[in-house]
Amino acid sequence: MFLEKYYQKMKEAESYLDLSDIAIEILSGMPQPVSMVSGPISSGGRGSIKENLSELKRVVSDLKEKGDVIFDNLSFEEHISRIRSSQSNLSKEESNQILLEEFYGPIFDSGFIKRIFFLPDWESSQGASWEHGKAEELDMDIVHLD
C-alpha cells in the first residue's frame, strides 16, 4: 500500500518521466531484492485489459504471499491512463513506446529491479516483449511463469 504522499505525487504527475521518478523513489525504500511482474495489459494476453489486469493482480498477490518483494506497477495504471489520454494525437503504438521509454526505461535502468516474472503469453504484448529485451540487456533474473 502506498503512502498518501506517493499517491498525491502520482495525481500531480504530468508525464511518464514524473511517474518514473516517483516509482524510483518508492523502489529506493523497498527491501532488496525487488521483483516485478510483467505481462500483457493493453495488447495480447487474454484479449482484454480488464482480464489481463486481473491476471496480473492475482500473480502479484500470489508472489507477495510467498514472500517475494514485488514492485506493484499496477498502482500507477490510473495515472498512466490519465497521461495516455492527453496524448490523443499519437497512435497506440507510439503512445506505448513513449510509456516504455519514459516510465519503464528509467525504472529498469535504476538497478532496483533485480528479477522479473513473465506471465504466460508475454510474447503477445508489445510492452512485455520490450521489458523482456530490456531485462536481458541489463542481465536481470528472468523467470517465465507457467
N, C-alpha and C. Protein backbone atom coordinates (compact mmCIF):
# COMPACT_ATOMS: atom_id res chain seq x y z
N MET A 1 0.84 -1.19 0.00
CA MET A 1 0.00 0.00 0.00
C MET A 1 0.89 1.25 0.00
N PHE A 2 0.51 2.21 -0.82
CA PHE A 2 1.30 3.42 -0.95
C PHE A 2 0.93 4.43 0.13
N LEU A 3 1.94 5.13 0.57
CA LEU A 3 1.68 6.21 1.49
C LEU A 3 0.97 7.33 0.74
N GLU A 4 0.23 8.11 1.45
CA GLU A 4 -0.54 9.20 0.84
C GLU A 4 0.35 10.14 0.03
N LYS A 5 1.57 10.39 0.49
CA LYS A 5 2.44 11.33 -0.25
C LYS A 5 2.74 10.83 -1.65
N TYR A 6 2.88 9.52 -1.84
CA TYR A 6 3.14 8.99 -3.17
C TYR A 6 1.89 9.09 -4.04
N TYR A 7 0.75 8.78 -3.47
CA TYR A 7 -0.48 8.86 -4.24
C TYR A 7 -0.71 10.30 -4.70
N GLN A 8 -0.48 11.25 -3.81
CA GLN A 8 -0.66 12.66 -4.16
C GLN A 8 0.31 13.06 -5.27
N LYS A 9 1.56 12.61 -5.18
CA LYS A 9 2.54 12.91 -6.23
C LYS A 9 2.11 12.30 -7.56
N MET A 10 1.57 11.08 -7.52
CA MET A 10 1.11 10.44 -8.76
C MET A 10 -0.04 11.23 -9.37
N LYS A 11 -0.96 11.71 -8.54
CA LYS A 11 -2.08 12.51 -9.05
C LYS A 11 -1.60 13.80 -9.72
N GLU A 12 -0.49 14.34 -9.23
CA GLU A 12 0.03 15.60 -9.76
C GLU A 12 0.99 15.40 -10.93
N ALA A 13 1.41 14.18 -11.19
CA ALA A 13 2.36 13.91 -12.26
C ALA A 13 1.77 14.31 -13.61
N GLU A 14 2.60 14.93 -14.44
CA GLU A 14 2.16 15.40 -15.74
C GLU A 14 2.76 14.59 -16.89
N SER A 15 3.69 13.71 -16.57
CA SER A 15 4.35 12.94 -17.62
C SER A 15 4.77 11.58 -17.08
N TYR A 16 5.10 10.69 -18.02
CA TYR A 16 5.63 9.38 -17.62
C TYR A 16 6.94 9.53 -16.87
N LEU A 17 7.75 10.52 -17.25
CA LEU A 17 9.00 10.75 -16.54
C LEU A 17 8.74 11.14 -15.08
N ASP A 18 7.72 11.97 -14.87
CA ASP A 18 7.33 12.31 -13.49
C ASP A 18 6.97 11.05 -12.72
N LEU A 19 6.19 10.17 -13.35
CA LEU A 19 5.79 8.92 -12.68
C LEU A 19 6.98 8.02 -12.42
N SER A 20 7.94 7.97 -13.36
CA SER A 20 9.11 7.11 -13.14
C SER A 20 9.95 7.62 -11.97
N ASP A 21 10.03 8.94 -11.80
CA ASP A 21 10.75 9.50 -10.65
C ASP A 21 10.11 9.04 -9.34
N ILE A 22 8.79 9.03 -9.30
CA ILE A 22 8.07 8.59 -8.11
C ILE A 22 8.32 7.10 -7.87
N ALA A 23 8.25 6.32 -8.94
CA ALA A 23 8.49 4.88 -8.83
C ALA A 23 9.89 4.59 -8.29
N ILE A 24 10.88 5.31 -8.78
CA ILE A 24 12.26 5.11 -8.33
C ILE A 24 12.40 5.51 -6.87
N GLU A 25 11.71 6.56 -6.47
CA GLU A 25 11.72 6.95 -5.05
C GLU A 25 11.14 5.83 -4.19
N ILE A 26 10.05 5.24 -4.64
CA ILE A 26 9.42 4.12 -3.92
C ILE A 26 10.38 2.93 -3.88
N LEU A 27 10.94 2.58 -5.03
CA LEU A 27 11.87 1.45 -5.12
C LEU A 27 13.08 1.62 -4.20
N SER A 28 13.56 2.85 -4.08
CA SER A 28 14.76 3.09 -3.26
C SER A 28 14.52 2.78 -1.78
N GLY A 29 13.25 2.76 -1.37
CA GLY A 29 12.92 2.45 0.03
C GLY A 29 12.47 1.02 0.26
N MET A 30 12.45 0.22 -0.79
CA MET A 30 11.98 -1.17 -0.65
C MET A 30 13.15 -2.08 -0.31
N PRO A 31 12.88 -3.12 0.50
CA PRO A 31 13.96 -4.08 0.80
C PRO A 31 14.34 -4.87 -0.45
N GLN A 32 15.62 -5.10 -0.58
CA GLN A 32 16.14 -5.83 -1.75
C GLN A 32 16.19 -7.32 -1.46
N PRO A 33 16.10 -8.15 -2.48
CA PRO A 33 15.91 -7.81 -3.90
C PRO A 33 14.44 -7.57 -4.21
N VAL A 34 14.21 -6.68 -5.17
CA VAL A 34 12.86 -6.35 -5.61
C VAL A 34 12.61 -7.04 -6.95
N SER A 35 11.41 -7.59 -7.08
CA SER A 35 10.98 -8.22 -8.32
C SER A 35 9.79 -7.44 -8.88
N MET A 36 9.48 -7.73 -10.13
CA MET A 36 8.34 -7.13 -10.80
C MET A 36 7.68 -8.22 -11.65
N VAL A 37 6.40 -8.06 -11.91
CA VAL A 37 5.67 -9.00 -12.77
C VAL A 37 5.36 -8.28 -14.08
N SER A 38 5.62 -8.96 -15.18
CA SER A 38 5.37 -8.39 -16.50
C SER A 38 4.45 -9.31 -17.29
N GLY A 39 3.55 -8.70 -18.01
CA GLY A 39 2.66 -9.47 -18.87
C GLY A 39 1.79 -8.55 -19.67
N PRO A 40 0.98 -9.10 -20.52
CA PRO A 40 0.11 -8.29 -21.35
C PRO A 40 -0.85 -7.45 -20.51
N ILE A 41 -1.02 -6.20 -20.92
CA ILE A 41 -2.06 -5.35 -20.34
C ILE A 41 -2.94 -4.83 -21.47
N SER A 42 -2.39 -3.92 -22.30
CA SER A 42 -3.22 -3.30 -23.33
C SER A 42 -3.16 -4.02 -24.67
N SER A 43 -2.21 -4.94 -24.82
CA SER A 43 -2.15 -5.71 -26.07
C SER A 43 -1.81 -7.16 -25.72
N GLY A 44 -2.41 -8.09 -26.46
CA GLY A 44 -2.12 -9.50 -26.26
C GLY A 44 -2.80 -10.11 -25.05
N GLY A 45 -2.26 -11.25 -24.64
CA GLY A 45 -2.77 -11.93 -23.44
C GLY A 45 -4.17 -12.47 -23.61
N ARG A 46 -5.02 -12.17 -22.65
CA ARG A 46 -6.38 -12.71 -22.60
C ARG A 46 -7.37 -11.94 -23.49
N GLY A 47 -6.88 -10.91 -24.16
CA GLY A 47 -7.73 -10.20 -25.11
C GLY A 47 -8.44 -8.97 -24.60
N SER A 48 -8.38 -8.73 -23.30
CA SER A 48 -8.99 -7.51 -22.76
C SER A 48 -8.13 -6.96 -21.63
N ILE A 49 -8.12 -5.66 -21.54
CA ILE A 49 -7.34 -5.01 -20.48
C ILE A 49 -7.83 -5.48 -19.12
N LYS A 50 -9.15 -5.56 -18.94
CA LYS A 50 -9.71 -5.97 -17.65
C LYS A 50 -9.23 -7.36 -17.25
N GLU A 51 -9.28 -8.32 -18.17
CA GLU A 51 -8.85 -9.69 -17.86
C GLU A 51 -7.34 -9.75 -17.65
N ASN A 52 -6.58 -9.02 -18.45
CA ASN A 52 -5.12 -9.01 -18.29
C ASN A 52 -4.71 -8.42 -16.94
N LEU A 53 -5.36 -7.33 -16.54
CA LEU A 53 -5.06 -6.72 -15.24
C LEU A 53 -5.43 -7.65 -14.10
N SER A 54 -6.55 -8.34 -14.24
CA SER A 54 -6.99 -9.29 -13.21
C SER A 54 -5.94 -10.39 -13.02
N GLU A 55 -5.43 -10.93 -14.10
CA GLU A 55 -4.40 -11.98 -14.02
C GLU A 55 -3.12 -11.44 -13.40
N LEU A 56 -2.72 -10.25 -13.81
CA LEU A 56 -1.50 -9.64 -13.26
C LEU A 56 -1.64 -9.42 -11.76
N LYS A 57 -2.79 -8.92 -11.34
CA LYS A 57 -3.03 -8.68 -9.91
C LYS A 57 -2.98 -9.99 -9.12
N ARG A 58 -3.56 -11.04 -9.68
CA ARG A 58 -3.56 -12.34 -9.00
C ARG A 58 -2.14 -12.85 -8.81
N VAL A 59 -1.33 -12.75 -9.83
CA VAL A 59 0.05 -13.26 -9.74
C VAL A 59 0.86 -12.41 -8.76
N VAL A 60 0.70 -11.10 -8.80
CA VAL A 60 1.40 -10.22 -7.86
C VAL A 60 1.04 -10.62 -6.43
N SER A 61 -0.23 -10.81 -6.18
CA SER A 61 -0.70 -11.20 -4.84
C SER A 61 -0.10 -12.55 -4.42
N ASP A 62 -0.12 -13.53 -5.32
CA ASP A 62 0.44 -14.86 -5.01
C ASP A 62 1.93 -14.77 -4.68
N LEU A 63 2.67 -14.01 -5.45
CA LEU A 63 4.12 -13.88 -5.21
C LEU A 63 4.41 -13.17 -3.88
N LYS A 64 3.61 -12.15 -3.58
CA LYS A 64 3.78 -11.46 -2.29
C LYS A 64 3.51 -12.41 -1.14
N GLU A 65 2.47 -13.25 -1.27
CA GLU A 65 2.14 -14.22 -0.23
C GLU A 65 3.28 -15.21 -0.01
N LYS A 66 4.03 -15.51 -1.07
CA LYS A 66 5.16 -16.44 -0.97
C LYS A 66 6.42 -15.77 -0.42
N GLY A 67 6.35 -14.45 -0.20
CA GLY A 67 7.47 -13.75 0.41
C GLY A 67 8.31 -12.92 -0.54
N ASP A 68 7.98 -12.89 -1.81
CA ASP A 68 8.73 -12.05 -2.74
C ASP A 68 8.40 -10.59 -2.50
N VAL A 69 9.40 -9.73 -2.63
CA VAL A 69 9.20 -8.29 -2.57
C VAL A 69 8.89 -7.85 -3.99
N ILE A 70 7.67 -7.38 -4.23
CA ILE A 70 7.20 -7.07 -5.57
C ILE A 70 6.92 -5.58 -5.70
N PHE A 71 7.53 -4.97 -6.71
CA PHE A 71 7.17 -3.61 -7.09
C PHE A 71 5.88 -3.72 -7.89
N ASP A 72 4.82 -3.18 -7.36
CA ASP A 72 3.50 -3.31 -7.97
C ASP A 72 3.23 -2.12 -8.89
N ASN A 73 3.66 -2.26 -10.14
CA ASN A 73 3.49 -1.18 -11.11
C ASN A 73 2.01 -0.92 -11.43
N LEU A 74 1.13 -1.83 -11.04
CA LEU A 74 -0.30 -1.63 -11.29
C LEU A 74 -0.84 -0.42 -10.52
N SER A 75 -0.18 -0.04 -9.45
CA SER A 75 -0.60 1.13 -8.69
C SER A 75 -0.49 2.41 -9.52
N PHE A 76 0.25 2.34 -10.61
CA PHE A 76 0.44 3.51 -11.48
C PHE A 76 -0.54 3.54 -12.64
N GLU A 77 -1.32 2.46 -12.84
CA GLU A 77 -2.17 2.34 -14.03
C GLU A 77 -3.15 3.49 -14.21
N GLU A 78 -3.80 3.92 -13.14
CA GLU A 78 -4.76 5.03 -13.23
C GLU A 78 -4.08 6.28 -13.79
N HIS A 79 -2.87 6.54 -13.35
CA HIS A 79 -2.15 7.76 -13.73
C HIS A 79 -1.53 7.61 -15.12
N ILE A 80 -1.11 6.40 -15.45
CA ILE A 80 -0.63 6.13 -16.81
C ILE A 80 -1.77 6.37 -17.80
N SER A 81 -2.96 5.87 -17.49
CA SER A 81 -4.12 6.06 -18.36
C SER A 81 -4.47 7.54 -18.52
N ARG A 82 -4.36 8.27 -17.43
CA ARG A 82 -4.66 9.71 -17.48
C ARG A 82 -3.69 10.43 -18.41
N ILE A 83 -2.41 10.12 -18.28
CA ILE A 83 -1.39 10.77 -19.12
C ILE A 83 -1.56 10.31 -20.57
N ARG A 84 -1.83 9.02 -20.77
CA ARG A 84 -2.03 8.50 -22.13
C ARG A 84 -3.18 9.22 -22.82
N SER A 85 -4.26 9.49 -22.08
CA SER A 85 -5.42 10.14 -22.70
C SER A 85 -5.10 11.56 -23.17
N SER A 86 -4.07 12.17 -22.60
CA SER A 86 -3.67 13.51 -23.04
C SER A 86 -2.82 13.46 -24.32
N GLN A 87 -2.51 12.25 -24.77
CA GLN A 87 -1.68 12.07 -25.97
C GLN A 87 -2.54 11.58 -27.14
N SER A 88 -3.72 12.14 -27.29
CA SER A 88 -4.67 11.66 -28.29
C SER A 88 -4.16 11.83 -29.72
N ASN A 89 -3.15 12.64 -29.91
CA ASN A 89 -2.60 12.84 -31.25
C ASN A 89 -1.66 11.71 -31.67
N LEU A 90 -1.35 10.79 -30.75
CA LEU A 90 -0.43 9.70 -31.04
C LEU A 90 -1.18 8.40 -31.29
N SER A 91 -0.58 7.52 -32.09
CA SER A 91 -1.14 6.19 -32.26
C SER A 91 -0.92 5.39 -30.98
N LYS A 92 -1.65 4.28 -30.84
CA LYS A 92 -1.49 3.41 -29.67
C LYS A 92 -0.05 2.93 -29.57
N GLU A 93 0.55 2.56 -30.68
CA GLU A 93 1.93 2.05 -30.70
C GLU A 93 2.92 3.14 -30.27
N GLU A 94 2.72 4.37 -30.78
CA GLU A 94 3.60 5.48 -30.38
C GLU A 94 3.46 5.78 -28.90
N SER A 95 2.24 5.81 -28.42
CA SER A 95 1.99 6.08 -27.01
C SER A 95 2.61 5.01 -26.12
N ASN A 96 2.46 3.74 -26.52
CA ASN A 96 3.07 2.64 -25.76
C ASN A 96 4.58 2.75 -25.74
N GLN A 97 5.19 3.11 -26.85
CA GLN A 97 6.65 3.22 -26.91
C GLN A 97 7.16 4.33 -25.99
N ILE A 98 6.44 5.45 -25.96
CA ILE A 98 6.83 6.54 -25.06
C ILE A 98 6.71 6.09 -23.61
N LEU A 99 5.62 5.37 -23.28
CA LEU A 99 5.45 4.84 -21.94
C LEU A 99 6.63 3.94 -21.56
N LEU A 100 7.00 3.04 -22.45
CA LEU A 100 8.10 2.11 -22.17
C LEU A 100 9.41 2.85 -21.96
N GLU A 101 9.71 3.79 -22.82
CA GLU A 101 10.98 4.50 -22.75
C GLU A 101 11.06 5.48 -21.58
N GLU A 102 9.93 6.16 -21.27
CA GLU A 102 9.97 7.21 -20.26
C GLU A 102 9.55 6.76 -18.87
N PHE A 103 8.76 5.70 -18.77
CA PHE A 103 8.37 5.19 -17.45
C PHE A 103 9.19 3.97 -17.08
N TYR A 104 9.07 2.91 -17.87
CA TYR A 104 9.75 1.67 -17.53
C TYR A 104 11.26 1.73 -17.74
N GLY A 105 11.71 2.44 -18.76
CA GLY A 105 13.15 2.53 -19.02
C GLY A 105 13.95 3.03 -17.81
N PRO A 106 13.61 4.19 -17.26
CA PRO A 106 14.33 4.67 -16.08
C PRO A 106 14.21 3.75 -14.87
N ILE A 107 13.05 3.12 -14.71
CA ILE A 107 12.87 2.18 -13.58
C ILE A 107 13.85 1.01 -13.73
N PHE A 108 13.90 0.43 -14.91
CA PHE A 108 14.81 -0.69 -15.14
C PHE A 108 16.26 -0.24 -14.99
N ASP A 109 16.58 0.92 -15.57
CA ASP A 109 17.95 1.43 -15.52
C ASP A 109 18.40 1.79 -14.10
N SER A 110 17.45 2.01 -13.19
CA SER A 110 17.80 2.38 -11.81
C SER A 110 18.55 1.27 -11.10
N GLY A 111 18.36 0.03 -11.54
CA GLY A 111 19.02 -1.11 -10.90
C GLY A 111 18.29 -1.66 -9.69
N PHE A 112 17.16 -1.08 -9.33
CA PHE A 112 16.43 -1.56 -8.15
C PHE A 112 15.67 -2.85 -8.43
N ILE A 113 15.23 -3.05 -9.66
CA ILE A 113 14.52 -4.28 -10.02
C ILE A 113 15.57 -5.33 -10.35
N LYS A 114 15.55 -6.43 -9.64
CA LYS A 114 16.55 -7.49 -9.82
C LYS A 114 16.00 -8.68 -10.59
N ARG A 115 14.68 -8.92 -10.49
CA ARG A 115 14.08 -10.10 -11.11
C ARG A 115 12.73 -9.70 -11.72
N ILE A 116 12.44 -10.32 -12.87
CA ILE A 116 11.15 -10.07 -13.50
C ILE A 116 10.49 -11.41 -13.79
N PHE A 117 9.26 -11.53 -13.29
CA PHE A 117 8.43 -12.70 -13.57
C PHE A 117 7.57 -12.38 -14.79
N PHE A 118 7.63 -13.23 -15.80
CA PHE A 118 6.84 -13.02 -17.00
C PHE A 118 5.66 -13.99 -17.03
N LEU A 119 4.47 -13.43 -17.23
CA LEU A 119 3.27 -14.23 -17.33
C LEU A 119 3.28 -15.04 -18.63
N PRO A 120 2.55 -16.14 -18.65
CA PRO A 120 2.40 -16.87 -19.92
C PRO A 120 1.86 -15.92 -21.00
N ASP A 121 2.28 -16.14 -22.22
CA ASP A 121 1.85 -15.35 -23.37
C ASP A 121 2.40 -13.93 -23.36
N TRP A 122 3.48 -13.70 -22.62
CA TRP A 122 4.08 -12.37 -22.58
C TRP A 122 4.52 -11.91 -23.96
N GLU A 123 4.85 -12.86 -24.84
CA GLU A 123 5.35 -12.51 -26.17
C GLU A 123 4.29 -11.81 -27.01
N SER A 124 3.01 -11.95 -26.66
CA SER A 124 1.93 -11.33 -27.43
C SER A 124 1.78 -9.85 -27.12
N SER A 125 2.53 -9.36 -26.16
CA SER A 125 2.42 -7.97 -25.70
C SER A 125 3.62 -7.14 -26.15
N GLN A 126 3.34 -6.00 -26.77
CA GLN A 126 4.40 -5.08 -27.15
C GLN A 126 5.22 -4.68 -25.93
N GLY A 127 4.55 -4.32 -24.85
CA GLY A 127 5.23 -3.85 -23.65
C GLY A 127 6.05 -4.93 -22.96
N ALA A 128 5.44 -6.11 -22.77
CA ALA A 128 6.16 -7.19 -22.10
C ALA A 128 7.34 -7.66 -22.95
N SER A 129 7.19 -7.65 -24.26
CA SER A 129 8.32 -8.03 -25.13
C SER A 129 9.45 -7.03 -24.99
N TRP A 130 9.12 -5.75 -24.93
CA TRP A 130 10.14 -4.72 -24.72
C TRP A 130 10.82 -4.92 -23.36
N GLU A 131 10.01 -5.16 -22.33
CA GLU A 131 10.56 -5.37 -20.98
C GLU A 131 11.47 -6.59 -20.95
N HIS A 132 11.12 -7.64 -21.66
CA HIS A 132 11.96 -8.84 -21.71
C HIS A 132 13.31 -8.52 -22.33
N GLY A 133 13.30 -7.79 -23.44
CA GLY A 133 14.54 -7.39 -24.08
C GLY A 133 15.39 -6.51 -23.19
N LYS A 134 14.76 -5.58 -22.50
CA LYS A 134 15.48 -4.68 -21.58
C LYS A 134 16.05 -5.48 -20.41
N ALA A 135 15.28 -6.43 -19.89
CA ALA A 135 15.76 -7.26 -18.78
C ALA A 135 16.97 -8.08 -19.21
N GLU A 136 16.95 -8.61 -20.43
CA GLU A 136 18.10 -9.35 -20.95
C GLU A 136 19.31 -8.43 -21.09
N GLU A 137 19.08 -7.25 -21.64
CA GLU A 137 20.14 -6.26 -21.82
C GLU A 137 20.81 -5.91 -20.49
N LEU A 138 20.01 -5.79 -19.44
CA LEU A 138 20.53 -5.41 -18.12
C LEU A 138 20.92 -6.61 -17.27
N ASP A 139 20.83 -7.81 -17.83
CA ASP A 139 21.22 -9.05 -17.16
C ASP A 139 20.44 -9.28 -15.86
N MET A 140 19.14 -8.98 -15.92
CA MET A 140 18.26 -9.23 -14.77
C MET A 140 17.91 -10.71 -14.72
N ASP A 141 17.48 -11.17 -13.57
CA ASP A 141 16.99 -12.54 -13.42
C ASP A 141 15.59 -12.60 -14.04
N ILE A 142 15.42 -13.46 -15.03
CA ILE A 142 14.14 -13.59 -15.74
C ILE A 142 13.52 -14.93 -15.39
N VAL A 143 12.25 -14.89 -14.96
CA VAL A 143 11.52 -16.11 -14.61
C VAL A 143 10.26 -16.15 -15.47
N HIS A 144 10.12 -17.23 -16.25
CA HIS A 144 8.91 -17.42 -17.07
C HIS A 144 7.94 -18.30 -16.28
N LEU A 145 6.78 -17.75 -15.99
CA LEU A 145 5.76 -18.48 -15.21
C LEU A 145 4.93 -19.36 -16.14
N ASP A 146 4.44 -20.47 -15.60
CA ASP A 146 3.58 -21.38 -16.37
C ASP A 146 2.15 -20.93 -16.32
